[in-house]
Amino acid sequence: MLDRDELNKLMRALAETREDEIGCDECLERVDLFVEMKLSGLDATEAMPLVQEHLDICGDCREEFEALLAALRTAEGSRVGWRSVFGATSRLWRRMRGGSSR
Protein backbone atom coordinates (compact mmCIF):
# COMPACT_ATOMS: atom_id res chain seq x y z
CA MET A 1 0.00 0.00 0.00
CA LEU A 2 1.28 3.47 -0.86
CA ASP A 3 1.75 5.93 1.94
CA ARG A 4 0.48 9.51 1.62
CA ASP A 5 3.82 10.94 0.37
CA GLU A 6 4.21 8.22 -2.28
CA LEU A 7 0.64 8.76 -3.43
CA ASN A 8 1.18 12.53 -3.69
CA LYS A 9 4.38 11.98 -5.67
CA LEU A 10 2.57 9.61 -8.03
CA MET A 11 -0.29 12.09 -8.52
CA ARG A 12 2.16 14.91 -9.33
CA ALA A 13 3.94 12.67 -11.85
CA LEU A 14 0.63 11.82 -13.51
CA ALA A 15 -0.36 15.47 -13.65
CA GLU A 16 2.93 16.33 -15.37
CA THR A 17 2.59 13.57 -17.99
CA ARG A 18 2.36 14.89 -21.53
CA GLU A 19 1.33 13.29 -24.77
CA ASP A 20 4.69 13.91 -26.45
CA GLU A 21 6.93 12.24 -23.85
CA ILE A 22 9.42 9.46 -24.48
CA GLY A 23 10.04 6.46 -22.25
CA CYS A 24 13.26 5.09 -20.84
CA ASP A 25 14.00 2.79 -23.79
CA GLU A 26 13.68 5.58 -26.35
CA CYS A 27 15.67 7.97 -24.18
CA LEU A 28 18.52 5.50 -23.75
CA GLU A 29 18.52 4.80 -27.50
CA ARG A 30 19.24 8.50 -28.06
CA VAL A 31 21.44 9.36 -25.08
CA ASP A 32 24.74 8.69 -26.87
CA LEU A 33 23.89 11.27 -29.54
CA PHE A 34 22.71 13.66 -26.83
CA VAL A 35 26.06 13.29 -25.02
CA GLU A 36 28.01 13.74 -28.25
CA MET A 37 26.15 16.97 -28.97
CA LYS A 38 26.84 18.27 -25.44
CA LEU A 39 30.55 17.45 -25.72
CA SER A 40 30.68 19.15 -29.13
CA GLY A 41 29.27 22.35 -27.65
CA LEU A 42 25.96 22.05 -29.46
CA ASP A 43 22.63 22.80 -27.80
CA ALA A 44 21.46 19.23 -27.21
CA THR A 45 18.47 20.44 -25.21
CA GLU A 46 17.17 22.48 -28.13
CA ALA A 47 17.85 19.72 -30.64
CA MET A 48 16.45 16.90 -28.50
CA PRO A 49 14.00 18.44 -26.01
CA LEU A 50 12.20 15.17 -25.28
CA VAL A 51 15.45 13.53 -24.20
CA GLN A 52 16.23 16.46 -21.90
CA GLU A 53 12.73 16.40 -20.44
CA HIS A 54 13.00 12.68 -19.78
CA LEU A 55 16.40 13.10 -18.13
CA ASP A 56 14.91 15.84 -15.94
CA ILE A 57 12.26 13.51 -14.54
CA CYS A 58 13.90 10.05 -14.63
CA GLY A 59 16.69 9.48 -12.15
CA ASP A 60 17.74 6.15 -13.67
CA CYS A 61 18.18 7.54 -17.18
CA ARG A 62 19.85 10.68 -15.83
CA GLU A 63 22.32 8.44 -13.99
CA GLU A 64 23.13 6.57 -17.23
CA PHE A 65 23.53 9.88 -19.08
CA GLU A 66 25.82 11.32 -16.40
CA ALA A 67 27.96 8.15 -16.33
CA LEU A 68 28.45 8.21 -20.10
CA LEU A 69 29.15 11.96 -20.07
CA ALA A 70 31.68 11.58 -17.24
CA ALA A 71 33.46 8.69 -18.97
CA LEU A 72 33.80 10.63 -22.19
CA ARG A 73 34.92 13.79 -20.38
CA THR A 74 37.62 11.70 -18.71
CA ALA A 75 38.67 10.43 -22.13
CA GLU A 76 38.72 14.05 -23.34
CA GLY A 77 41.65 14.71 -21.01
CA SER A 78 43.56 11.65 -22.18
CA ARG A 79 45.92 11.34 -25.15
CA VAL A 80 43.23 9.63 -27.18
CA GLY A 81 40.43 12.19 -26.72
CA TRP A 82 36.69 11.68 -26.40
CA ARG A 83 35.97 11.60 -30.14
CA SER A 84 38.14 8.52 -30.60
CA VAL A 85 36.64 6.83 -27.56
CA PHE A 86 33.10 7.87 -28.48
CA GLY A 87 32.81 5.61 -31.54
CA ALA A 88 33.76 2.50 -29.59
CA THR A 89 31.70 3.57 -26.58
CA SER A 90 28.67 4.29 -28.75
CA ARG A 91 28.87 0.87 -30.40
CA LEU A 92 29.27 -0.84 -27.01
CA TRP A 93 26.37 1.19 -25.59
CA ARG A 94 24.10 0.12 -28.45
CA ARG A 95 25.07 -3.55 -28.05
CA MET A 96 24.40 -3.36 -24.32
CA ARG A 97 21.00 -1.82 -25.01
CA GLY A 98 20.24 -4.54 -27.58
CA GLY A 99 20.38 -2.24 -30.60
CA SER A 100 22.39 -2.10 -33.78
CA SER A 101 26.20 -2.28 -33.60
CA ARG A 102 26.55 0.54 -36.14
PDB file of N, CA and C in Angstrom:
ATOM      1  N   MET A   1       0.829  -1.171   0.000  1.00  0.00           N
ATOM      2  CA  MET A   1       0.000   0.000   0.000  1.00  0.00           C
ATOM      3  C   MET A   1       0.881   1.244   0.000  1.00  0.00           C
ATOM      4  N   LEU A   2       0.529   2.213  -0.793  1.00  0.00           N
ATOM      5  CA  LEU A   2       1.279   3.466  -0.863  1.00  0.00           C
ATOM      6  C   LEU A   2       0.966   4.342   0.339  1.00  0.00           C
ATOM      7  N   ASP A   3       2.024   4.972   0.879  1.00  0.00           N
ATOM      8  CA  ASP A   3       1.746   5.933   1.942  1.00  0.00           C
ATOM      9  C   ASP A   3       1.358   7.274   1.308  1.00  0.00           C
ATOM     10  N   ARG A   4       0.991   8.224   2.108  1.00  0.00           N
ATOM     11  CA  ARG A   4       0.476   9.513   1.621  1.00  0.00           C
ATOM     12  C   ARG A   4       1.501  10.246   0.734  1.00  0.00           C
ATOM     13  N   ASP A   5       2.784  10.260   1.154  1.00  0.00           N
ATOM     14  CA  ASP A   5       3.823  10.938   0.370  1.00  0.00           C
ATOM     15  C   ASP A   5       4.021  10.272  -0.992  1.00  0.00           C
ATOM     16  N   GLU A   6       4.038   8.945  -1.012  1.00  0.00           N
ATOM     17  CA  GLU A   6       4.210   8.224  -2.276  1.00  0.00           C
ATOM     18  C   GLU A   6       3.020   8.469  -3.206  1.00  0.00           C
ATOM     19  N   LEU A   7       1.842   8.500  -2.639  1.00  0.00           N
ATOM     20  CA  LEU A   7       0.644   8.765  -3.434  1.00  0.00           C
ATOM     21  C   LEU A   7       0.667  10.181  -4.005  1.00  0.00           C
ATOM     22  N   ASN A   8       1.069  11.153  -3.205  1.00  0.00           N
ATOM     23  CA  ASN A   8       1.180  12.533  -3.691  1.00  0.00           C
ATOM     24  C   ASN A   8       2.214  12.649  -4.808  1.00  0.00           C
ATOM     25  N   LYS A   9       3.335  11.966  -4.642  1.00  0.00           N
ATOM     26  CA  LYS A   9       4.379  11.976  -5.670  1.00  0.00           C
ATOM     27  C   LYS A   9       3.856  11.369  -6.976  1.00  0.00           C
ATOM     28  N   LEU A  10       3.151  10.261  -6.863  1.00  0.00           N
ATOM     29  CA  LEU A  10       2.565   9.613  -8.033  1.00  0.00           C
ATOM     30  C   LEU A  10       1.549  10.518  -8.719  1.00  0.00           C
ATOM     31  N   MET A  11       0.721  11.186  -7.949  1.00  0.00           N
ATOM     32  CA  MET A  11      -0.290  12.085  -8.516  1.00  0.00           C
ATOM     33  C   MET A  11       0.366  13.272  -9.232  1.00  0.00           C
ATOM     34  N   ARG A  12       1.442  13.809  -8.659  1.00  0.00           N
ATOM     35  CA  ARG A  12       2.163  14.908  -9.329  1.00  0.00           C
ATOM     36  C   ARG A  12       2.763  14.427 -10.646  1.00  0.00           C
ATOM     37  N   ALA A  13       3.348  13.234 -10.633  1.00  0.00           N
ATOM     38  CA  ALA A  13       3.945  12.675 -11.848  1.00  0.00           C
ATOM     39  C   ALA A  13       2.883  12.484 -12.927  1.00  0.00           C
ATOM     40  N   LEU A  14       1.721  11.998 -12.542  1.00  0.00           N
ATOM     41  CA  LEU A  14       0.633  11.818 -13.512  1.00  0.00           C
ATOM     42  C   LEU A  14       0.151  13.152 -14.056  1.00  0.00           C
ATOM     43  N   ALA A  15       0.092  14.148 -13.216  1.00  0.00           N
ATOM     44  CA  ALA A  15      -0.356  15.474 -13.647  1.00  0.00           C
ATOM     45  C   ALA A  15       0.630  16.104 -14.625  1.00  0.00           C
ATOM     46  N   GLU A  16       1.909  15.758 -14.500  1.00  0.00           N
ATOM     47  CA  GLU A  16       2.934  16.330 -15.373  1.00  0.00           C
ATOM     48  C   GLU A  16       3.113  15.535 -16.662  1.00  0.00           C
ATOM     49  N   THR A  17       2.467  14.400 -16.794  1.00  0.00           N
ATOM     50  CA  THR A  17       2.595  13.570 -17.993  1.00  0.00           C
ATOM     51  C   THR A  17       2.027  14.297 -19.195  1.00  0.00           C
ATOM     52  N   ARG A  18       2.785  14.236 -20.291  1.00  0.00           N
ATOM     53  CA  ARG A  18       2.358  14.893 -21.526  1.00  0.00           C
ATOM     54  C   ARG A  18       2.258  13.860 -22.636  1.00  0.00           C
ATOM     55  N   GLU A  19       1.537  14.204 -23.651  1.00  0.00           N
ATOM     56  CA  GLU A  19       1.326  13.288 -24.770  1.00  0.00           C
ATOM     57  C   GLU A  19       2.611  13.031 -25.561  1.00  0.00           C
ATOM     58  N   ASP A  20       3.500  14.020 -25.614  1.00  0.00           N
ATOM     59  CA  ASP A  20       4.695  13.905 -26.451  1.00  0.00           C
ATOM     60  C   ASP A  20       5.947  13.528 -25.657  1.00  0.00           C
ATOM     61  N   GLU A  21       5.791  12.714 -24.629  1.00  0.00           N
ATOM     62  CA  GLU A  21       6.930  12.245 -23.854  1.00  0.00           C
ATOM     63  C   GLU A  21       7.545  11.002 -24.481  1.00  0.00           C
ATOM     64  N   ILE A  22       8.788  10.720 -24.084  1.00  0.00           N
ATOM     65  CA  ILE A  22       9.417   9.463 -24.476  1.00  0.00           C
ATOM     66  C   ILE A  22       9.662   8.646 -23.211  1.00  0.00           C
ATOM     67  N   GLY A  23       9.775   7.353 -23.372  1.00  0.00           N
ATOM     68  CA  GLY A  23      10.044   6.464 -22.255  1.00  0.00           C
ATOM     69  C   GLY A  23      11.532   6.203 -22.105  1.00  0.00           C
ATOM     70  N   CYS A  24      11.862   5.392 -21.130  1.00  0.00           N
ATOM     71  CA  CYS A  24      13.261   5.089 -20.841  1.00  0.00           C
ATOM     72  C   CYS A  24      13.982   4.450 -22.029  1.00  0.00           C
ATOM     73  N   ASP A  25      13.343   3.471 -22.672  1.00  0.00           N
ATOM     74  CA  ASP A  25      13.999   2.788 -23.793  1.00  0.00           C
ATOM     75  C   ASP A  25      14.360   3.766 -24.901  1.00  0.00           C
ATOM     76  N   GLU A  26      13.426   4.606 -25.278  1.00  0.00           N
ATOM     77  CA  GLU A  26      13.679   5.577 -26.350  1.00  0.00           C
ATOM     78  C   GLU A  26      14.728   6.603 -25.923  1.00  0.00           C
ATOM     79  N   CYS A  27      14.682   7.025 -24.682  1.00  0.00           N
ATOM     80  CA  CYS A  27      15.669   7.971 -24.182  1.00  0.00           C
ATOM     81  C   CYS A  27      17.067   7.368 -24.259  1.00  0.00           C
ATOM     82  N   LEU A  28      17.206   6.141 -23.770  1.00  0.00           N
ATOM     83  CA  LEU A  28      18.518   5.499 -23.750  1.00  0.00           C
ATOM     84  C   LEU A  28      19.017   5.155 -25.152  1.00  0.00           C
ATOM     85  N   GLU A  29      18.105   4.998 -26.108  1.00  0.00           N
ATOM     86  CA  GLU A  29      18.521   4.800 -27.499  1.00  0.00           C
ATOM     87  C   GLU A  29      19.146   6.068 -28.066  1.00  0.00           C
ATOM     88  N   ARG A  30      18.779   7.218 -27.532  1.00  0.00           N
ATOM     89  CA  ARG A  30      19.241   8.504 -28.062  1.00  0.00           C
ATOM     90  C   ARG A  30      20.313   9.170 -27.205  1.00  0.00           C
ATOM     91  N   VAL A  31      20.580   8.649 -26.026  1.00  0.00           N
ATOM     92  CA  VAL A  31      21.441   9.357 -25.083  1.00  0.00           C
ATOM     93  C   VAL A  31      22.875   9.497 -25.592  1.00  0.00           C
ATOM     94  N   ASP A  32      23.373   8.551 -26.370  1.00  0.00           N
ATOM     95  CA  ASP A  32      24.738   8.690 -26.870  1.00  0.00           C
ATOM     96  C   ASP A  32      24.861   9.887 -27.808  1.00  0.00           C
ATOM     97  N   LEU A  33      23.877  10.103 -28.661  1.00  0.00           N
ATOM     98  CA  LEU A  33      23.885  11.266 -29.540  1.00  0.00           C
ATOM     99  C   LEU A  33      23.736  12.554 -28.723  1.00  0.00           C
ATOM    100  N   PHE A  34      22.909  12.518 -27.712  1.00  0.00           N
ATOM    101  CA  PHE A  34      22.708  13.664 -26.830  1.00  0.00           C
ATOM    102  C   PHE A  34      24.027  14.047 -26.159  1.00  0.00           C
ATOM    103  N   VAL A  35      24.760  13.058 -25.655  1.00  0.00           N
ATOM    104  CA  VAL A  35      26.056  13.287 -25.023  1.00  0.00           C
ATOM    105  C   VAL A  35      27.054  13.837 -26.032  1.00  0.00           C
ATOM    106  N   GLU A  36      27.081  13.263 -27.226  1.00  0.00           N
ATOM    107  CA  GLU A  36      28.012  13.736 -28.250  1.00  0.00           C
ATOM    108  C   GLU A  36      27.751  15.207 -28.571  1.00  0.00           C
ATOM    109  N   MET A  37      26.485  15.577 -28.686  1.00  0.00           N
ATOM    110  CA  MET A  37      26.150  16.972 -28.966  1.00  0.00           C
ATOM    111  C   MET A  37      26.626  17.877 -27.839  1.00  0.00           C
ATOM    112  N   LYS A  38      26.403  17.470 -26.593  1.00  0.00           N
ATOM    113  CA  LYS A  38      26.843  18.268 -25.445  1.00  0.00           C
ATOM    114  C   LYS A  38      28.353  18.453 -25.460  1.00  0.00           C
ATOM    115  N   LEU A  39      29.092  17.377 -25.706  1.00  0.00           N
ATOM    116  CA  LEU A  39      30.549  17.455 -25.722  1.00  0.00           C
ATOM    117  C   LEU A  39      31.071  18.285 -26.891  1.00  0.00           C
ATOM    118  N   SER A  40      30.291  18.356 -27.955  1.00  0.00           N
ATOM    119  CA  SER A  40      30.685  19.149 -29.128  1.00  0.00           C
ATOM    120  C   SER A  40      30.326  20.623 -28.975  1.00  0.00           C
ATOM    121  N   GLY A  41      29.648  20.962 -27.873  1.00  0.00           N
ATOM    122  CA  GLY A  41      29.265  22.347 -27.645  1.00  0.00           C
ATOM    123  C   GLY A  41      27.966  22.742 -28.317  1.00  0.00           C
ATOM    124  N   LEU A  42      27.244  21.768 -28.834  1.00  0.00           N
ATOM    125  CA  LEU A  42      25.956  22.048 -29.462  1.00  0.00           C
ATOM    126  C   LEU A  42      24.861  22.081 -28.405  1.00  0.00           C
ATOM    127  N   ASP A  43      23.743  22.711 -28.728  1.00  0.00           N
ATOM    128  CA  ASP A  43      22.632  22.799 -27.796  1.00  0.00           C
ATOM    129  C   ASP A  43      21.774  21.544 -27.913  1.00  0.00           C
ATOM    130  N   ALA A  44      22.163  20.516 -27.167  1.00  0.00           N
ATOM    131  CA  ALA A  44      21.458  19.232 -27.210  1.00  0.00           C
ATOM    132  C   ALA A  44      20.023  19.375 -26.720  1.00  0.00           C
ATOM    133  N   THR A  45      19.810  20.240 -25.752  1.00  0.00           N
ATOM    134  CA  THR A  45      18.467  20.436 -25.210  1.00  0.00           C
ATOM    135  C   THR A  45      17.524  20.992 -26.262  1.00  0.00           C
ATOM    136  N   GLU A  46      18.007  21.916 -27.065  1.00  0.00           N
ATOM    137  CA  GLU A  46      17.165  22.479 -28.128  1.00  0.00           C
ATOM    138  C   GLU A  46      16.928  21.456 -29.236  1.00  0.00           C
ATOM    139  N   ALA A  47      17.964  20.701 -29.562  1.00  0.00           N
ATOM    140  CA  ALA A  47      17.850  19.723 -30.639  1.00  0.00           C
ATOM    141  C   ALA A  47      17.035  18.501 -30.241  1.00  0.00           C
ATOM    142  N   MET A  48      17.103  18.124 -28.976  1.00  0.00           N
ATOM    143  CA  MET A  48      16.448  16.905 -28.503  1.00  0.00           C
ATOM    144  C   MET A  48      15.702  17.191 -27.191  1.00  0.00           C
ATOM    145  N   PRO A  49      14.680  18.038 -27.249  1.00  0.00           N
ATOM    146  CA  PRO A  49      14.001  18.442 -26.006  1.00  0.00           C
ATOM    147  C   PRO A  49      13.336  17.295 -25.259  1.00  0.00           C
ATOM    148  N   LEU A  50      12.857  16.289 -25.963  1.00  0.00           N
ATOM    149  CA  LEU A  50      12.199  15.169 -25.283  1.00  0.00           C
ATOM    150  C   LEU A  50      13.189  14.349 -24.463  1.00  0.00           C
ATOM    151  N   VAL A  51      14.413  14.229 -24.958  1.00  0.00           N
ATOM    152  CA  VAL A  51      15.448  13.527 -24.198  1.00  0.00           C
ATOM    153  C   VAL A  51      15.759  14.319 -22.933  1.00  0.00           C
ATOM    154  N   GLN A  52      15.939  15.630 -23.072  1.00  0.00           N
ATOM    155  CA  GLN A  52      16.229  16.458 -21.900  1.00  0.00           C
ATOM    156  C   GLN A  52      15.093  16.392 -20.883  1.00  0.00           C
ATOM    157  N   GLU A  53      13.875  16.461 -21.357  1.00  0.00           N
ATOM    158  CA  GLU A  53      12.726  16.401 -20.439  1.00  0.00           C
ATOM    159  C   GLU A  53      12.690  15.062 -19.711  1.00  0.00           C
ATOM    160  N   HIS A  54      12.990  13.991 -20.424  1.00  0.00           N
ATOM    161  CA  HIS A  54      12.995  12.680 -19.777  1.00  0.00           C
ATOM    162  C   HIS A  54      14.109  12.608 -18.736  1.00  0.00           C
ATOM    163  N   LEU A  55      15.289  13.115 -19.083  1.00  0.00           N
ATOM    164  CA  LEU A  55      16.402  13.104 -18.134  1.00  0.00           C
ATOM    165  C   LEU A  55      16.085  13.930 -16.891  1.00  0.00           C
ATOM    166  N   ASP A  56      15.292  14.978 -17.069  1.00  0.00           N
ATOM    167  CA  ASP A  56      14.908  15.836 -15.941  1.00  0.00           C
ATOM    168  C   ASP A  56      14.003  15.111 -14.948  1.00  0.00           C
ATOM    169  N   ILE A  57      13.223  14.159 -15.432  1.00  0.00           N
ATOM    170  CA  ILE A  57      12.257  13.505 -14.539  1.00  0.00           C
ATOM    171  C   ILE A  57      12.624  12.069 -14.169  1.00  0.00           C
ATOM    172  N   CYS A  58      13.565  11.468 -14.870  1.00  0.00           N
ATOM    173  CA  CYS A  58      13.899  10.055 -14.634  1.00  0.00           C
ATOM    174  C   CYS A  58      15.320   9.928 -14.074  1.00  0.00           C
ATOM    175  N   GLY A  59      15.397   9.614 -12.807  1.00  0.00           N
ATOM    176  CA  GLY A  59      16.690   9.483 -12.154  1.00  0.00           C
ATOM    177  C   GLY A  59      17.558   8.378 -12.732  1.00  0.00           C
ATOM    178  N   ASP A  60      16.960   7.259 -13.120  1.00  0.00           N
ATOM    179  CA  ASP A  60      17.736   6.145 -13.674  1.00  0.00           C
ATOM    180  C   ASP A  60      18.390   6.526 -14.997  1.00  0.00           C
ATOM    181  N   CYS A  61      17.627   7.139 -15.879  1.00  0.00           N
ATOM    182  CA  CYS A  61      18.184   7.541 -17.182  1.00  0.00           C
ATOM    183  C   CYS A  61      19.197   8.669 -17.011  1.00  0.00           C
ATOM    184  N   ARG A  62      18.910   9.591 -16.091  1.00  0.00           N
ATOM    185  CA  ARG A  62      19.847  10.681 -15.831  1.00  0.00           C
ATOM    186  C   ARG A  62      21.170  10.120 -15.323  1.00  0.00           C
ATOM    187  N   GLU A  63      21.117   9.081 -14.500  1.00  0.00           N
ATOM    188  CA  GLU A  63      22.317   8.443 -13.994  1.00  0.00           C
ATOM    189  C   GLU A  63      23.132   7.818 -15.132  1.00  0.00           C
ATOM    190  N   GLU A  64      22.450   7.153 -16.063  1.00  0.00           N
ATOM    191  CA  GLU A  64      23.128   6.568 -17.233  1.00  0.00           C
ATOM    192  C   GLU A  64      23.776   7.671 -18.080  1.00  0.00           C
ATOM    193  N   PHE A  65      23.027   8.741 -18.311  1.00  0.00           N
ATOM    194  CA  PHE A  65      23.531   9.881 -19.082  1.00  0.00           C
ATOM    195  C   PHE A  65      24.777  10.466 -18.414  1.00  0.00           C
ATOM    196  N   GLU A  66      24.701  10.709 -17.121  1.00  0.00           N
ATOM    197  CA  GLU A  66      25.825  11.317 -16.405  1.00  0.00           C
ATOM    198  C   GLU A  66      27.048  10.413 -16.397  1.00  0.00           C
ATOM    199  N   ALA A  67      26.837   9.099 -16.306  1.00  0.00           N
ATOM    200  CA  ALA A  67      27.959   8.153 -16.331  1.00  0.00           C
ATOM    201  C   ALA A  67      28.655   8.172 -17.692  1.00  0.00           C
ATOM    202  N   LEU A  68      27.867   8.166 -18.759  1.00  0.00           N
ATOM    203  CA  LEU A  68      28.450   8.213 -20.100  1.00  0.00           C
ATOM    204  C   LEU A  68      29.162   9.538 -20.328  1.00  0.00           C
ATOM    205  N   LEU A  69      28.545  10.631 -19.924  1.00  0.00           N
ATOM    206  CA  LEU A  69      29.153  11.955 -20.068  1.00  0.00           C
ATOM    207  C   LEU A  69      30.463  12.034 -19.289  1.00  0.00           C
ATOM    208  N   ALA A  70      30.469  11.545 -18.058  1.00  0.00           N
ATOM    209  CA  ALA A  70      31.682  11.575 -17.237  1.00  0.00           C
ATOM    210  C   ALA A  70      32.798  10.734 -17.850  1.00  0.00           C
ATOM    211  N   ALA A  71      32.448   9.557 -18.358  1.00  0.00           N
ATOM    212  CA  ALA A  71      33.457   8.690 -18.969  1.00  0.00           C
ATOM    213  C   ALA A  71      34.090   9.358 -20.182  1.00  0.00           C
ATOM    214  N   LEU A  72      33.263   9.989 -20.990  1.00  0.00           N
ATOM    215  CA  LEU A  72      33.798  10.629 -22.186  1.00  0.00           C
ATOM    216  C   LEU A  72      34.552  11.917 -21.857  1.00  0.00           C
ATOM    217  N   ARG A  73      34.156  12.606 -20.815  1.00  0.00           N
ATOM    218  CA  ARG A  73      34.923  13.788 -20.378  1.00  0.00           C
ATOM    219  C   ARG A  73      36.283  13.370 -19.839  1.00  0.00           C
ATOM    220  N   THR A  74      36.343  12.226 -19.186  1.00  0.00           N
ATOM    221  CA  THR A  74      37.623  11.701 -18.710  1.00  0.00           C
ATOM    222  C   THR A  74      38.508  11.370 -19.907  1.00  0.00           C
ATOM    223  N   ALA A  75      37.914  10.770 -20.921  1.00  0.00           N
ATOM    224  CA  ALA A  75      38.669  10.434 -22.132  1.00  0.00           C
ATOM    225  C   ALA A  75      39.146  11.697 -22.839  1.00  0.00           C
ATOM    226  N   GLU A  76      38.370  12.771 -22.715  1.00  0.00           N
ATOM    227  CA  GLU A  76      38.719  14.045 -23.344  1.00  0.00           C
ATOM    228  C   GLU A  76      40.075  14.534 -22.850  1.00  0.00           C
ATOM    229  N   GLY A  77      40.379  14.274 -21.584  1.00  0.00           N
ATOM    230  CA  GLY A  77      41.645  14.708 -21.008  1.00  0.00           C
ATOM    231  C   GLY A  77      42.798  13.763 -21.305  1.00  0.00           C
ATOM    232  N   SER A  78      42.502  12.623 -21.895  1.00  0.00           N
ATOM    233  CA  SER A  78      43.559  11.652 -22.182  1.00  0.00           C
ATOM    234  C   SER A  78      44.208  11.947 -23.535  1.00  0.00           C
ATOM    235  N   ARG A  79      45.241  11.187 -23.856  1.00  0.00           N
ATOM    236  CA  ARG A  79      45.917  11.342 -25.149  1.00  0.00           C
ATOM    237  C   ARG A  79      44.988  11.026 -26.309  1.00  0.00           C
ATOM    238  N   VAL A  80      44.087  10.097 -26.099  1.00  0.00           N
ATOM    239  CA  VAL A  80      43.225   9.629 -27.179  1.00  0.00           C
ATOM    240  C   VAL A  80      42.142  10.649 -27.512  1.00  0.00           C
ATOM    241  N   GLY A  81      41.510  11.231 -26.503  1.00  0.00           N
ATOM    242  CA  GLY A  81      40.435  12.194 -26.723  1.00  0.00           C
ATOM    243  C   GLY A  81      39.087  11.514 -26.802  1.00  0.00           C
ATOM    244  N   TRP A  82      38.036  12.273 -26.475  1.00  0.00           N
ATOM    245  CA  TRP A  82      36.694  11.680 -26.402  1.00  0.00           C
ATOM    246  C   TRP A  82      36.152  11.265 -27.749  1.00  0.00           C
ATOM    247  N   ARG A  83      36.517  11.958 -28.823  1.00  0.00           N
ATOM    248  CA  ARG A  83      35.968  11.595 -30.138  1.00  0.00           C
ATOM    249  C   ARG A  83      36.416  10.201 -30.558  1.00  0.00           C
ATOM    250  N   SER A  84      37.660   9.860 -30.265  1.00  0.00           N
ATOM    251  CA  SER A  84      38.142   8.515 -30.597  1.00  0.00           C
ATOM    252  C   SER A  84      37.451   7.461 -29.744  1.00  0.00           C
ATOM    253  N   VAL A  85      37.282   7.775 -28.479  1.00  0.00           N
ATOM    254  CA  VAL A  85      36.643   6.832 -27.561  1.00  0.00           C
ATOM    255  C   VAL A  85      35.152   6.729 -27.854  1.00  0.00           C
ATOM    256  N   PHE A  86      34.542   7.827 -28.311  1.00  0.00           N
ATOM    257  CA  PHE A  86      33.095   7.867 -28.484  1.00  0.00           C
ATOM    258  C   PHE A  86      32.593   6.797 -29.443  1.00  0.00           C
ATOM    259  N   GLY A  87      33.265   6.595 -30.575  1.00  0.00           N
ATOM    260  CA  GLY A  87      32.810   5.606 -31.545  1.00  0.00           C
ATOM    261  C   GLY A  87      32.711   4.220 -30.930  1.00  0.00           C
ATOM    262  N   ALA A  88      33.759   3.810 -30.223  1.00  0.00           N
ATOM    263  CA  ALA A  88      33.756   2.499 -29.585  1.00  0.00           C
ATOM    264  C   ALA A  88      32.732   2.453 -28.457  1.00  0.00           C
ATOM    265  N   THR A  89      32.653   3.518 -27.690  1.00  0.00           N
ATOM    266  CA  THR A  89      31.698   3.567 -26.578  1.00  0.00           C
ATOM    267  C   THR A  89      30.270   3.521 -27.094  1.00  0.00           C
ATOM    268  N   SER A  90      30.015   4.251 -28.167  1.00  0.00           N
ATOM    269  CA  SER A  90      28.673   4.287 -28.749  1.00  0.00           C
ATOM    270  C   SER A  90      28.256   2.903 -29.245  1.00  0.00           C
ATOM    271  N   ARG A  91      29.179   2.216 -29.914  1.00  0.00           N
ATOM    272  CA  ARG A  91      28.865   0.868 -30.398  1.00  0.00           C
ATOM    273  C   ARG A  91      28.613  -0.080 -29.229  1.00  0.00           C
ATOM    274  N   LEU A  92      29.451  -0.001 -28.189  1.00  0.00           N
ATOM    275  CA  LEU A  92      29.271  -0.843 -27.012  1.00  0.00           C
ATOM    276  C   LEU A  92      27.944  -0.520 -26.336  1.00  0.00           C
ATOM    277  N   TRP A  93      27.628   0.761 -26.205  1.00  0.00           N
ATOM    278  CA  TRP A  93      26.368   1.189 -25.585  1.00  0.00           C
ATOM    279  C   TRP A  93      25.177   0.596 -26.328  1.00  0.00           C
ATOM    280  N   ARG A  94      25.203   0.654 -27.661  1.00  0.00           N
ATOM    281  CA  ARG A  94      24.096   0.124 -28.446  1.00  0.00           C
ATOM    282  C   ARG A  94      23.970  -1.388 -28.280  1.00  0.00           C
ATOM    283  N   ARG A  95      25.121  -2.102 -28.248  1.00  0.00           N
ATOM    284  CA  ARG A  95      25.069  -3.549 -28.050  1.00  0.00           C
ATOM    285  C   ARG A  95      24.497  -3.891 -26.683  1.00  0.00           C
ATOM    286  N   MET A  96      24.913  -3.126 -25.668  1.00  0.00           N
ATOM    287  CA  MET A  96      24.400  -3.363 -24.322  1.00  0.00           C
ATOM    288  C   MET A  96      22.900  -3.115 -24.244  1.00  0.00           C
ATOM    289  N   ARG A  97      22.409  -2.159 -25.003  1.00  0.00           N
ATOM    290  CA  ARG A  97      20.996  -1.819 -25.014  1.00  0.00           C
ATOM    291  C   ARG A  97      20.204  -2.727 -25.954  1.00  0.00           C
ATOM    292  N   GLY A  98      20.922  -3.605 -26.696  1.00  0.00           N
ATOM    293  CA  GLY A  98      20.242  -4.537 -27.582  1.00  0.00           C
ATOM    294  C   GLY A  98      19.945  -3.972 -28.958  1.00  0.00           C
ATOM    295  N   GLY A  99      20.615  -2.874 -29.299  1.00  0.00           N
ATOM    296  CA  GLY A  99      20.378  -2.242 -30.598  1.00  0.00           C
ATOM    297  C   GLY A  99      21.409  -2.631 -31.615  1.00  0.00           C
ATOM    298  N   SER A 100      21.471  -1.879 -32.673  1.00  0.00           N
ATOM    299  CA  SER A 100      22.393  -2.105 -33.777  1.00  0.00           C
ATOM    300  C   SER A 100      23.825  -1.837 -33.328  1.00  0.00           C
ATOM    301  N   SER A 101      24.781  -2.497 -33.935  1.00  0.00           N
ATOM    302  CA  SER A 101      26.195  -2.280 -33.604  1.00  0.00           C
ATOM    303  C   SER A 101      26.810  -1.196 -34.466  1.00  0.00           C
ATOM    304  N   ARG A 102      26.020  -0.520 -35.270  1.00  0.00           N
ATOM    305  CA  ARG A 102      26.552   0.540 -36.136  1.00  0.00           C
ATOM    306  C   ARG A 102      26.779   1.804 -35.385  1.00  0.00           C
TER     307      ARG A 102
END
